[in-house]
């Protein structure tokens, strides 16, 4: 976390998203009203990423992936939660199917083989839908096997309406408050 004199605090998420990271994020962001969350991660725990993403959306934080950085797998769920989202021109988002350890014994040729997790894919789809993510992205996420990635670059993100500038679209994305059923 880097407090800024004029503007939102900068919070950087770098590296693998692991168990306990949601609680670390809560502690780091305690009492922060405005934040820009900078992402550079190859992924990790989808559950932790979704919890962090929900907190980002609840707090109206922006998310950003800078040139030369990656935001793959679970990281993309955090990026999608930003109420203002930025993807620099030489950055990409990587999506693949949720996974679980292979039920069969790993072989010497495939020691860390993981298999598709359809329950995880359903959770990811419901989460993305709750954020108002375009259907094309929801459908893209499970298409690549756990070993591989489908990428969205700046041009595709712009074409699909994923890039959202706070000044242009104040309160444009759904938040828990805007999704409450009418009384």
C-alpha atoms as a PDB file:
ATOM      1  CA  UNK A   1       0.000   0.000   0.000  1.00  0.00           C
ATOM      2  CA  UNK A   2       1.291   3.433  -0.971  1.00  0.00           C
ATOM      3  CA  UNK A   3      -0.712   6.385   0.351  1.00  0.00           C
ATOM      4  CA  UNK A   4      -0.891   9.292  -2.115  1.00  0.00           C
ATOM      5  CA  UNK A   5      -1.062  12.971  -1.210  1.00  0.00           C
ATOM      6  CA  UNK A   6      -3.405  13.857  -4.084  1.00  0.00           C
ATOM      7  CA  UNK A   7      -5.521  10.924  -5.176  1.00  0.00           C
ATOM      8  CA  UNK A   8      -6.387   7.377  -4.243  1.00  0.00           C
ATOM      9  CA  UNK A   9      -4.009   5.137  -2.314  1.00  0.00           C
ATOM     10  CA  UNK A  10      -2.170   2.670  -4.539  1.00  0.00           C
ATOM     11  CA  UNK A  11      -2.457  -0.985  -3.556  1.00  0.00           C
ATOM     12  CA  UNK A  12      -0.375  -3.518  -5.457  1.00  0.00           C
ATOM     13  CA  UNK A  13      -1.249  -7.190  -5.748  1.00  0.00           C
ATOM     14  CA  UNK A  14       1.781  -9.024  -7.116  1.00  0.00           C
ATOM     15  CA  UNK A  15       2.396 -12.757  -7.267  1.00  0.00           C
ATOM     16  CA  UNK A  16       0.282 -15.817  -6.565  1.00  0.00           C
ATOM     17  CA  UNK A  17      -3.093 -15.280  -4.865  1.00  0.00           C
ATOM     18  CA  UNK A  18      -3.069 -17.644  -1.894  1.00  0.00           C
ATOM     19  CA  UNK A  19      -5.157 -18.706   1.089  1.00  0.00           C
ATOM     20  CA  UNK A  20      -5.343 -15.840   3.574  1.00  0.00           C
ATOM     21  CA  UNK A  21      -4.845 -13.085   0.988  1.00  0.00           C
ATOM     22  CA  UNK A  22      -8.431 -11.876   1.409  1.00  0.00           C
ATOM     23  CA  UNK A  23      -7.781 -11.194   5.103  1.00  0.00           C
ATOM     24  CA  UNK A  24      -4.494  -9.472   4.247  1.00  0.00           C
ATOM     25  CA  UNK A  25      -6.366  -7.300   1.749  1.00  0.00           C
ATOM     26  CA  UNK A  26      -8.959  -6.367   4.375  1.00  0.00           C
ATOM     27  CA  UNK A  27      -6.203  -5.352   6.795  1.00  0.00           C
ATOM     28  CA  UNK A  28      -4.246  -3.365   4.203  1.00  0.00           C
ATOM     29  CA  UNK A  29      -7.327  -1.507   2.964  1.00  0.00           C
ATOM     30  CA  UNK A  30      -8.841  -0.779   6.371  1.00  0.00           C
ATOM     31  CA  UNK A  31     -10.067   2.844   6.432  1.00  0.00           C
ATOM     32  CA  UNK A  32      -9.175   3.504   2.774  1.00  0.00           C
ATOM     33  CA  UNK A  33     -11.979   5.301   0.957  1.00  0.00           C
ATOM     34  CA  UNK A  34     -10.350   5.551  -2.493  1.00  0.00           C
ATOM     35  CA  UNK A  35      -7.870   3.091  -3.952  1.00  0.00           C
ATOM     36  CA  UNK A  36      -6.309   2.100  -7.222  1.00  0.00           C
ATOM     37  CA  UNK A  37      -5.519  -1.627  -7.167  1.00  0.00           C
ATOM     38  CA  UNK A  38      -2.574  -2.430  -9.450  1.00  0.00           C
ATOM     39  CA  UNK A  39      -2.443  -6.090 -10.514  1.00  0.00           C
ATOM     40  CA  UNK A  40       0.423  -8.285 -11.679  1.00  0.00           C
ATOM     41  CA  UNK A  41      -0.356 -11.943 -11.017  1.00  0.00           C
ATOM     42  CA  UNK A  42      -0.488 -15.267 -12.820  1.00  0.00           C
ATOM     43  CA  UNK A  43      -3.457 -16.240 -10.634  1.00  0.00           C
ATOM     44  CA  UNK A  44      -4.043 -18.581  -7.753  1.00  0.00           C
ATOM     45  CA  UNK A  45      -7.032 -19.186  -5.522  1.00  0.00           C
ATOM     46  CA  UNK A  46     -10.324 -18.335  -7.261  1.00  0.00           C
ATOM     47  CA  UNK A  47     -12.132 -18.182  -3.905  1.00  0.00           C
ATOM     48  CA  UNK A  48      -9.686 -15.645  -2.482  1.00  0.00           C
ATOM     49  CA  UNK A  49      -9.827 -13.606  -5.713  1.00  0.00           C
ATOM     50  CA  UNK A  50     -13.628 -13.507  -5.702  1.00  0.00           C
ATOM     51  CA  UNK A  51     -13.695 -12.367  -2.062  1.00  0.00           C
ATOM     52  CA  UNK A  52     -11.135  -9.640  -2.823  1.00  0.00           C
ATOM     53  CA  UNK A  53     -13.117  -8.680  -5.921  1.00  0.00           C
ATOM     54  CA  UNK A  54     -16.352  -8.313  -3.968  1.00  0.00           C
ATOM     55  CA  UNK A  55     -14.595  -6.055  -1.475  1.00  0.00           C
ATOM     56  CA  UNK A  56     -13.172  -3.950  -4.327  1.00  0.00           C
ATOM     57  CA  UNK A  57     -16.659  -3.563  -5.827  1.00  0.00           C
ATOM     58  CA  UNK A  58     -18.239  -2.777  -2.430  1.00  0.00           C
ATOM     59  CA  UNK A  59     -15.647  -0.065  -1.800  1.00  0.00           C
ATOM     60  CA  UNK A  60     -15.820   1.382  -5.305  1.00  0.00           C
ATOM     61  CA  UNK A  61     -12.079   0.913  -5.983  1.00  0.00           C
ATOM     62  CA  UNK A  62     -10.510   1.066  -9.433  1.00  0.00           C
ATOM     63  CA  UNK A  63      -8.370  -1.725 -10.907  1.00  0.00           C
ATOM     64  CA  UNK A  64      -5.479  -1.530 -13.346  1.00  0.00           C
ATOM     65  CA  UNK A  65      -3.047  -3.779 -15.207  1.00  0.00           C
ATOM     66  CA  UNK A  66      -0.035  -1.844 -16.447  1.00  0.00           C
ATOM     67  CA  UNK A  67       2.119  -2.372 -19.526  1.00  0.00           C
ATOM     68  CA  UNK A  68       4.314  -5.440 -19.151  1.00  0.00           C
ATOM     69  CA  UNK A  69       2.212  -6.885 -16.318  1.00  0.00           C
ATOM     70  CA  UNK A  70       0.036  -9.983 -16.475  1.00  0.00           C
ATOM     71  CA  UNK A  71      -3.330 -10.667 -14.915  1.00  0.00           C
ATOM     72  CA  UNK A  72      -4.150 -14.309 -15.491  1.00  0.00           C
ATOM     73  CA  UNK A  73      -6.632 -16.762 -14.073  1.00  0.00           C
ATOM     74  CA  UNK A  74      -7.923 -15.709 -10.615  1.00  0.00           C
ATOM     75  CA  UNK A  75      -6.318 -12.275 -11.006  1.00  0.00           C
ATOM     76  CA  UNK A  76      -8.764 -11.454 -13.789  1.00  0.00           C
ATOM     77  CA  UNK A  77     -11.658 -11.882 -11.326  1.00  0.00           C
ATOM     78  CA  UNK A  78     -10.139  -9.145  -9.170  1.00  0.00           C
ATOM     79  CA  UNK A  79      -9.629  -6.848 -12.177  1.00  0.00           C
ATOM     80  CA  UNK A  80     -13.223  -7.307 -13.330  1.00  0.00           C
ATOM     81  CA  UNK A  81     -14.488  -6.058  -9.950  1.00  0.00           C
ATOM     82  CA  UNK A  82     -13.112  -2.538 -10.405  1.00  0.00           C
ATOM     83  CA  UNK A  83     -15.766   0.144 -10.754  1.00  0.00           C
ATOM     84  CA  UNK A  84     -13.197   1.851 -12.923  1.00  0.00           C
ATOM     85  CA  UNK A  85     -11.049  -0.582 -14.951  1.00  0.00           C
ATOM     86  CA  UNK A  86      -7.874   0.164 -16.869  1.00  0.00           C
ATOM     87  CA  UNK A  87      -5.813  -2.149 -19.048  1.00  0.00           C
ATOM     88  CA  UNK A  88      -2.711  -0.600 -20.556  1.00  0.00           C
ATOM     89  CA  UNK A  89      -2.128  -1.236 -24.252  1.00  0.00           C
ATOM     90  CA  UNK A  90       0.593  -3.853 -23.723  1.00  0.00           C
ATOM     91  CA  UNK A  91      -1.148  -5.740 -20.922  1.00  0.00           C
ATOM     92  CA  UNK A  92      -3.393  -8.797 -21.172  1.00  0.00           C
ATOM     93  CA  UNK A  93      -5.959 -10.674 -19.143  1.00  0.00           C
ATOM     94  CA  UNK A  94      -5.786 -14.475 -19.207  1.00  0.00           C
ATOM     95  CA  UNK A  95      -8.796 -16.725 -18.654  1.00  0.00           C
ATOM     96  CA  UNK A  96      -9.100 -20.493 -18.274  1.00  0.00           C
ATOM     97  CA  UNK A  97     -11.352 -23.105 -16.754  1.00  0.00           C
ATOM     98  CA  UNK A  98     -11.455 -23.459 -12.992  1.00  0.00           C
ATOM     99  CA  UNK A  99      -9.454 -26.484 -11.915  1.00  0.00           C
ATOM    100  CA  UNK A 100      -8.997 -29.041  -9.192  1.00  0.00           C
ATOM    101  CA  UNK A 101      -6.249 -31.606  -8.616  1.00  0.00           C
ATOM    102  CA  UNK A 102      -6.483 -34.589 -10.929  1.00  0.00           C
ATOM    103  CA  UNK A 103      -8.323 -37.434  -9.193  1.00  0.00           C
ATOM    104  CA  UNK A 104      -6.082 -40.057 -10.798  1.00  0.00           C
ATOM    105  CA  UNK A 105      -2.480 -40.542  -9.778  1.00  0.00           C
ATOM    106  CA  UNK A 106      -0.117 -38.064 -11.448  1.00  0.00           C
ATOM    107  CA  UNK A 107       2.276 -39.629 -13.896  1.00  0.00           C
ATOM    108  CA  UNK A 108       5.934 -38.760 -14.366  1.00  0.00           C
ATOM    109  CA  UNK A 109       4.994 -37.083 -17.663  1.00  0.00           C
ATOM    110  CA  UNK A 110       2.210 -34.997 -16.040  1.00  0.00           C
ATOM    111  CA  UNK A 111       3.112 -34.553 -12.353  1.00  0.00           C
ATOM    112  CA  UNK A 112       0.916 -31.510 -11.688  1.00  0.00           C
ATOM    113  CA  UNK A 113      -1.957 -32.284 -14.037  1.00  0.00           C
ATOM    114  CA  UNK A 114      -5.187 -30.529 -13.027  1.00  0.00           C
ATOM    115  CA  UNK A 115      -8.672 -31.235 -14.301  1.00  0.00           C
ATOM    116  CA  UNK A 116     -11.615 -28.991 -15.094  1.00  0.00           C
ATOM    117  CA  UNK A 117     -13.837 -28.029 -12.186  1.00  0.00           C
ATOM    118  CA  UNK A 118     -17.348 -27.405 -13.505  1.00  0.00           C
ATOM    119  CA  UNK A 119     -18.620 -26.350 -10.081  1.00  0.00           C
ATOM    120  CA  UNK A 120     -15.820 -23.765  -9.962  1.00  0.00           C
ATOM    121  CA  UNK A 121     -16.765 -22.595 -13.463  1.00  0.00           C
ATOM    122  CA  UNK A 122     -20.383 -22.135 -12.350  1.00  0.00           C
ATOM    123  CA  UNK A 123     -19.254 -20.096  -9.331  1.00  0.00           C
ATOM    124  CA  UNK A 124     -17.021 -17.962 -11.560  1.00  0.00           C
ATOM    125  CA  UNK A 125     -19.860 -17.386 -14.057  1.00  0.00           C
ATOM    126  CA  UNK A 126     -22.295 -16.354 -11.312  1.00  0.00           C
ATOM    127  CA  UNK A 127     -19.701 -13.990  -9.829  1.00  0.00           C
ATOM    128  CA  UNK A 128     -18.972 -12.361 -13.191  1.00  0.00           C
ATOM    129  CA  UNK A 129     -22.685 -12.014 -13.941  1.00  0.00           C
ATOM    130  CA  UNK A 130     -23.179 -10.287 -10.565  1.00  0.00           C
ATOM    131  CA  UNK A 131     -20.549  -7.743 -11.628  1.00  0.00           C
ATOM    132  CA  UNK A 132     -22.328  -7.055 -14.912  1.00  0.00           C
ATOM    133  CA  UNK A 133     -19.512  -8.580 -16.988  1.00  0.00           C
ATOM    134  CA  UNK A 134     -20.404  -9.028 -20.679  1.00  0.00           C
ATOM    135  CA  UNK A 135     -21.615 -12.499 -21.654  1.00  0.00           C
ATOM    136  CA  UNK A 136     -18.683 -12.917 -24.081  1.00  0.00           C
ATOM    137  CA  UNK A 137     -16.247 -12.877 -21.140  1.00  0.00           C
ATOM    138  CA  UNK A 138     -18.388 -15.216 -19.043  1.00  0.00           C
ATOM    139  CA  UNK A 139     -18.416 -17.675 -21.960  1.00  0.00           C
ATOM    140  CA  UNK A 140     -14.674 -17.249 -22.637  1.00  0.00           C
ATOM    141  CA  UNK A 141     -13.568 -18.098 -19.093  1.00  0.00           C
ATOM    142  CA  UNK A 142     -14.212 -21.878 -19.137  1.00  0.00           C
ATOM    143  CA  UNK A 143     -13.227 -22.456 -22.790  1.00  0.00           C
ATOM    144  CA  UNK A 144      -9.505 -22.989 -22.174  1.00  0.00           C
ATOM    145  CA  UNK A 145      -8.453 -26.057 -20.203  1.00  0.00           C
ATOM    146  CA  UNK A 146      -6.714 -25.414 -16.851  1.00  0.00           C
ATOM    147  CA  UNK A 147      -3.320 -25.811 -18.515  1.00  0.00           C
ATOM    148  CA  UNK A 148      -3.877 -23.039 -21.030  1.00  0.00           C
ATOM    149  CA  UNK A 149      -5.128 -19.475 -21.343  1.00  0.00           C
ATOM    150  CA  UNK A 150      -7.381 -17.448 -23.603  1.00  0.00           C
ATOM    151  CA  UNK A 151      -6.287 -13.819 -23.612  1.00  0.00           C
ATOM    152  CA  UNK A 152      -8.100 -10.522 -23.830  1.00  0.00           C
ATOM    153  CA  UNK A 153      -5.893  -7.622 -24.895  1.00  0.00           C
ATOM    154  CA  UNK A 154      -6.578  -3.894 -24.805  1.00  0.00           C
ATOM    155  CA  UNK A 155      -8.403  -3.809 -28.171  1.00  0.00           C
ATOM    156  CA  UNK A 156     -10.706  -6.704 -27.244  1.00  0.00           C
ATOM    157  CA  UNK A 157     -11.345  -5.293 -23.759  1.00  0.00           C
ATOM    158  CA  UNK A 158     -12.303  -1.965 -25.315  1.00  0.00           C
ATOM    159  CA  UNK A 159     -14.548  -3.616 -27.928  1.00  0.00           C
ATOM    160  CA  UNK A 160     -16.360  -5.606 -25.232  1.00  0.00           C
ATOM    161  CA  UNK A 161     -16.854  -2.553 -23.014  1.00  0.00           C
ATOM    162  CA  UNK A 162     -14.581  -3.802 -20.230  1.00  0.00           C
ATOM    163  CA  UNK A 163     -12.561  -0.589 -19.943  1.00  0.00           C
ATOM    164  CA  UNK A 164     -14.397   1.853 -17.746  1.00  0.00           C
ATOM    165  CA  UNK A 165     -13.148   5.314 -16.879  1.00  0.00           C
ATOM    166  CA  UNK A 166     -14.515   6.629 -13.591  1.00  0.00           C
ATOM    167  CA  UNK A 167     -14.907  10.164 -14.918  1.00  0.00           C
ATOM    168  CA  UNK A 168     -16.933   8.949 -17.893  1.00  0.00           C
ATOM    169  CA  UNK A 169     -19.164   6.484 -16.055  1.00  0.00           C
ATOM    170  CA  UNK A 170     -19.750   7.398 -12.437  1.00  0.00           C
ATOM    171  CA  UNK A 171     -21.683   4.545 -10.761  1.00  0.00           C
ATOM    172  CA  UNK A 172     -22.058   2.727 -14.093  1.00  0.00           C
ATOM    173  CA  UNK A 173     -21.308  -0.722 -12.714  1.00  0.00           C
ATOM    174  CA  UNK A 174     -23.580  -2.608 -10.345  1.00  0.00           C
ATOM    175  CA  UNK A 175     -22.768  -2.588  -6.644  1.00  0.00           C
ATOM    176  CA  UNK A 176     -24.529  -4.573  -3.929  1.00  0.00           C
ATOM    177  CA  UNK A 177     -26.606  -1.499  -3.131  1.00  0.00           C
ATOM    178  CA  UNK A 178     -27.809  -1.061  -6.709  1.00  0.00           C
ATOM    179  CA  UNK A 179     -28.713  -4.739  -6.967  1.00  0.00           C
ATOM    180  CA  UNK A 180     -31.046  -4.875  -3.970  1.00  0.00           C
ATOM    181  CA  UNK A 181     -34.571  -5.934  -4.842  1.00  0.00           C
ATOM    182  CA  UNK A 182     -37.182  -3.191  -4.762  1.00  0.00           C
ATOM    183  CA  UNK A 183     -39.008  -2.961  -1.436  1.00  0.00           C
END
